[in-house]
Amino acid sequence: MKRYAYVSLILGAIALVCATLIALMNMLTRPIIEKSDEEKIKETYTKIFMDYDSSQSVDFIKDEKGYIKEKRIVYDKNHNSLGYIYTTSGKNAYGEISLMIGIFDGNVLDVEFLVNTESFQDTVNSHVKNKYPSSKENVIEINIYGKEDRMDINALSKEEINNIDVKCGATFGATLVKQMVLAVVEEEAL
């Protein structure tokens, strides 16, 4: 019994030291990370509006799907309005995308990525491995140029060809970006 208490005490002390080190590293790196994030945002503002000097938050009604996180009016150094910058964020099965969308005179001026964690490969691998247990290590690849895998296009009717829906991670990511930009355009139209 004493041996278990001794081992528990040692493991508890190790856990306490590790937790303290993690908290200390977080305290030391947080200001650096926050400063880097602020610089990235300012740099993105400057990419969208070259004369950017400052910005101010604008109150707005949240969009239906919750993509829009913030709307800011952007000013140059003479405090003339340059347009608006919307910060948007959305998620799908493949990851998260955050954008800054510049609006000038009711039109989309520029779209810049802040975060893009879309990872189609991991999702496909896990989907294929779960659905098709025989492919435990690899995603099944079809060699479209090999004789045995070649499909005669004439074997399909035009209706069958038109009904084929090709979807991949890039398509879902592009759809998410399109939805976020449309949410901003709809907000601007109000």
Protein backbone atom coordinates (compact mmCIF):
# COMPACT_ATOMS: atom_id res chain seq x y z
CA MET A 1 0.00 0.00 0.00
CA LYS A 2 2.85 2.38 0.81
CA ARG A 3 4.38 1.67 -2.56
CA TYR A 4 1.19 2.75 -4.41
CA ALA A 5 0.97 5.92 -2.34
CA TYR A 6 4.61 6.71 -3.13
CA VAL A 7 4.10 6.13 -6.87
CA SER A 8 0.93 8.25 -6.80
CA LEU A 9 2.77 11.08 -5.05
CA ILE A 10 5.61 10.99 -7.61
CA LEU A 11 3.17 10.96 -10.56
CA GLY A 12 1.14 13.78 -8.99
CA ALA A 13 4.32 15.86 -8.54
CA ILE A 14 5.32 15.24 -12.17
CA ALA A 15 1.83 16.24 -13.35
CA LEU A 16 1.98 19.41 -11.24
CA VAL A 17 5.40 20.38 -12.63
CA CYS A 18 4.22 19.73 -16.21
CA ALA A 19 1.03 21.75 -15.70
CA THR A 20 3.07 24.62 -14.24
CA LEU A 21 5.48 24.56 -17.20
CA ILE A 22 2.60 24.55 -19.70
CA ALA A 23 0.91 27.48 -17.92
CA LEU A 24 4.21 29.40 -17.81
CA MET A 25 4.83 28.81 -21.53
CA ASN A 26 1.29 29.96 -22.29
CA MET A 27 1.80 33.14 -20.28
CA LEU A 28 5.09 33.85 -22.09
CA THR A 29 3.88 33.13 -25.62
CA ARG A 30 0.33 34.56 -25.51
CA PRO A 31 1.38 38.22 -25.97
CA ILE A 32 3.66 37.25 -28.87
CA ILE A 33 0.88 35.28 -30.58
CA GLU A 34 -1.67 38.07 -30.03
CA LYS A 35 0.74 40.65 -31.46
CA SER A 36 1.39 38.41 -34.47
CA ASP A 37 -2.37 37.98 -35.03
CA GLU A 38 -2.90 41.76 -34.84
CA GLU A 39 -0.09 42.34 -37.35
CA LYS A 40 -1.58 39.73 -39.70
CA ILE A 41 -4.98 41.45 -39.52
CA LYS A 42 -3.44 44.89 -40.13
CA GLU A 43 -1.43 43.46 -43.03
CA THR A 44 -4.60 41.95 -44.49
CA TYR A 45 -6.43 45.28 -44.15
CA THR A 46 -3.55 46.89 -46.05
CA LYS A 47 -3.74 44.22 -48.78
CA ILE A 48 -7.42 44.97 -49.29
CA PHE A 49 -7.20 48.78 -48.93
CA MET A 50 -3.68 50.10 -49.64
CA ASP A 51 -4.43 53.47 -47.96
CA TYR A 52 -5.65 51.79 -44.73
CA ASP A 53 -4.88 53.73 -41.56
CA SER A 54 -7.62 52.82 -39.07
CA SER A 55 -10.96 51.11 -38.73
CA GLN A 56 -14.03 51.20 -36.54
CA SER A 57 -16.52 48.47 -35.72
CA VAL A 58 -20.02 48.82 -37.17
CA ASP A 59 -23.13 47.33 -35.60
CA PHE A 60 -25.05 45.01 -37.89
CA ILE A 61 -27.65 42.27 -37.71
CA LYS A 62 -26.06 38.83 -37.83
CA ASP A 63 -26.56 36.94 -41.05
CA GLU A 64 -28.84 33.90 -41.18
CA LYS A 65 -26.12 31.23 -41.06
CA GLY A 66 -23.81 33.11 -38.70
CA TYR A 67 -20.89 33.45 -41.14
CA ILE A 68 -20.30 37.16 -40.52
CA LYS A 69 -18.38 37.76 -37.32
CA GLU A 70 -17.55 41.45 -37.66
CA LYS A 71 -18.11 44.45 -39.92
CA ARG A 72 -15.67 47.35 -39.84
CA ILE A 73 -15.57 50.65 -41.69
CA VAL A 74 -12.05 51.42 -42.94
CA TYR A 75 -10.46 54.88 -43.03
CA ASP A 76 -7.36 56.40 -44.59
CA LYS A 77 -5.02 58.75 -42.67
CA ASN A 78 -7.27 61.76 -43.49
CA HIS A 79 -10.20 59.84 -41.95
CA ASN A 80 -11.93 59.41 -45.31
CA SER A 81 -13.98 56.25 -45.62
CA LEU A 82 -12.41 53.64 -47.91
CA GLY A 83 -15.12 50.98 -47.59
CA TYR A 84 -15.97 48.04 -45.34
CA ILE A 85 -14.16 44.92 -44.25
CA TYR A 86 -16.17 41.93 -43.11
CA THR A 87 -14.58 39.15 -41.11
CA THR A 88 -16.33 35.84 -41.78
CA SER A 89 -15.86 32.31 -40.54
CA GLY A 90 -17.45 28.98 -41.44
CA LYS A 91 -16.97 25.26 -40.89
CA ASN A 92 -17.78 22.11 -42.80
CA ALA A 93 -16.78 18.45 -42.50
CA TYR A 94 -13.28 19.23 -43.78
CA GLY A 95 -12.28 22.08 -41.49
CA GLU A 96 -12.66 25.82 -40.94
CA ILE A 97 -12.19 28.83 -43.19
CA SER A 98 -11.99 32.46 -42.06
CA LEU A 99 -12.00 35.30 -44.55
CA MET A 100 -11.70 39.06 -44.71
CA ILE A 101 -13.87 40.48 -47.46
CA GLY A 102 -13.37 44.05 -48.66
CA ILE A 103 -16.43 45.92 -49.90
CA PHE A 104 -16.19 49.19 -51.81
CA ASP A 105 -19.17 51.00 -53.30
CA GLY A 106 -21.41 47.96 -52.79
CA ASN A 107 -19.05 45.59 -54.66
CA VAL A 108 -16.64 42.93 -53.46
CA LEU A 109 -13.18 44.45 -53.79
CA ASP A 110 -11.03 41.61 -52.42
CA VAL A 111 -11.22 38.37 -50.46
CA GLU A 112 -8.30 37.34 -48.23
CA PHE A 113 -7.90 34.14 -46.20
CA LEU A 114 -7.15 34.43 -42.49
CA VAL A 115 -7.54 30.73 -41.62
CA ASN A 116 -7.82 27.70 -43.86
CA THR A 117 -7.76 24.36 -42.05
CA GLU A 118 -9.55 22.40 -44.76
CA SER A 119 -8.07 18.89 -44.83
CA PHE A 120 -9.71 16.71 -47.43
CA GLN A 121 -7.09 13.94 -47.32
CA ASP A 122 -7.70 13.09 -43.65
CA THR A 123 -11.45 13.08 -44.14
CA VAL A 124 -11.25 10.86 -47.22
CA ASN A 125 -8.84 8.48 -45.52
CA SER A 126 -11.06 8.08 -42.47
CA HIS A 127 -14.23 7.79 -44.60
CA VAL A 128 -12.74 5.14 -46.89
CA LYS A 129 -11.21 3.20 -43.99
CA ASN A 130 -14.53 3.17 -42.10
CA LYS A 131 -16.74 2.39 -45.06
CA TYR A 132 -14.43 -0.05 -46.85
CA PRO A 133 -12.50 -2.03 -44.21
CA SER A 134 -10.48 -3.85 -46.87
CA SER A 135 -8.57 -0.61 -47.57
CA LYS A 136 -7.12 -0.22 -44.10
CA GLU A 137 -3.92 1.56 -45.09
CA ASN A 138 -4.56 3.19 -48.45
CA VAL A 139 -7.20 5.19 -50.18
CA ILE A 140 -8.32 3.26 -53.23
CA GLU A 141 -6.85 4.85 -56.35
CA ILE A 142 -8.27 4.15 -59.77
CA ASN A 143 -5.87 4.33 -62.67
CA ILE A 144 -8.04 5.93 -65.31
CA TYR A 145 -5.41 5.35 -67.96
CA GLY A 146 -5.09 1.58 -67.39
CA LYS A 147 -6.91 -0.66 -69.89
CA GLU A 148 -8.89 -2.61 -67.29
CA ASP A 149 -10.08 0.56 -65.52
CA ARG A 150 -11.04 2.51 -68.64
CA MET A 151 -14.72 3.33 -68.94
CA ASP A 152 -16.28 3.67 -72.37
CA ILE A 153 -18.03 7.05 -72.25
CA ASN A 154 -20.50 5.85 -74.88
CA ALA A 155 -21.76 3.20 -72.43
CA LEU A 156 -23.44 5.97 -70.40
CA SER A 157 -26.44 7.94 -71.57
CA LYS A 158 -26.33 11.75 -71.63
CA GLU A 159 -28.75 11.81 -68.72
CA GLU A 160 -26.46 9.55 -66.65
CA ILE A 161 -23.46 11.71 -67.49
CA ASN A 162 -25.30 14.90 -66.52
CA ASN A 163 -26.37 13.35 -63.21
CA ILE A 164 -22.81 12.51 -62.15
CA ASP A 165 -21.93 14.83 -59.28
CA VAL A 166 -18.24 15.15 -58.59
CA LYS A 167 -17.59 16.40 -55.06
CA CYS A 168 -14.30 16.70 -53.25
CA GLY A 169 -12.81 18.74 -50.42
CA ALA A 170 -11.93 21.59 -52.75
CA THR A 171 -15.53 21.75 -53.94
CA PHE A 172 -16.86 21.87 -50.38
CA GLY A 173 -14.27 24.51 -49.43
CA ALA A 174 -15.11 26.59 -52.49
CA THR A 175 -18.82 26.27 -51.69
CA LEU A 176 -18.17 27.47 -48.12
CA VAL A 177 -16.18 30.47 -49.38
CA LYS A 178 -18.94 31.28 -51.87
CA GLN A 179 -21.60 31.10 -49.12
CA MET A 180 -19.60 33.46 -46.89
CA VAL A 181 -19.09 35.97 -49.71
CA LEU A 182 -22.80 35.78 -50.59
CA ALA A 183 -23.70 36.41 -46.94
CA VAL A 184 -21.61 39.59 -47.05
CA VAL A 185 -23.12 40.69 -50.37
CA GLU A 186 -26.63 40.13 -48.98
CA GLU A 187 -25.74 42.09 -45.84
CA GLU A 188 -24.47 44.98 -48.00
CA ALA A 189 -27.66 44.95 -50.07
CA LEU A 190 -29.79 45.60 -46.98
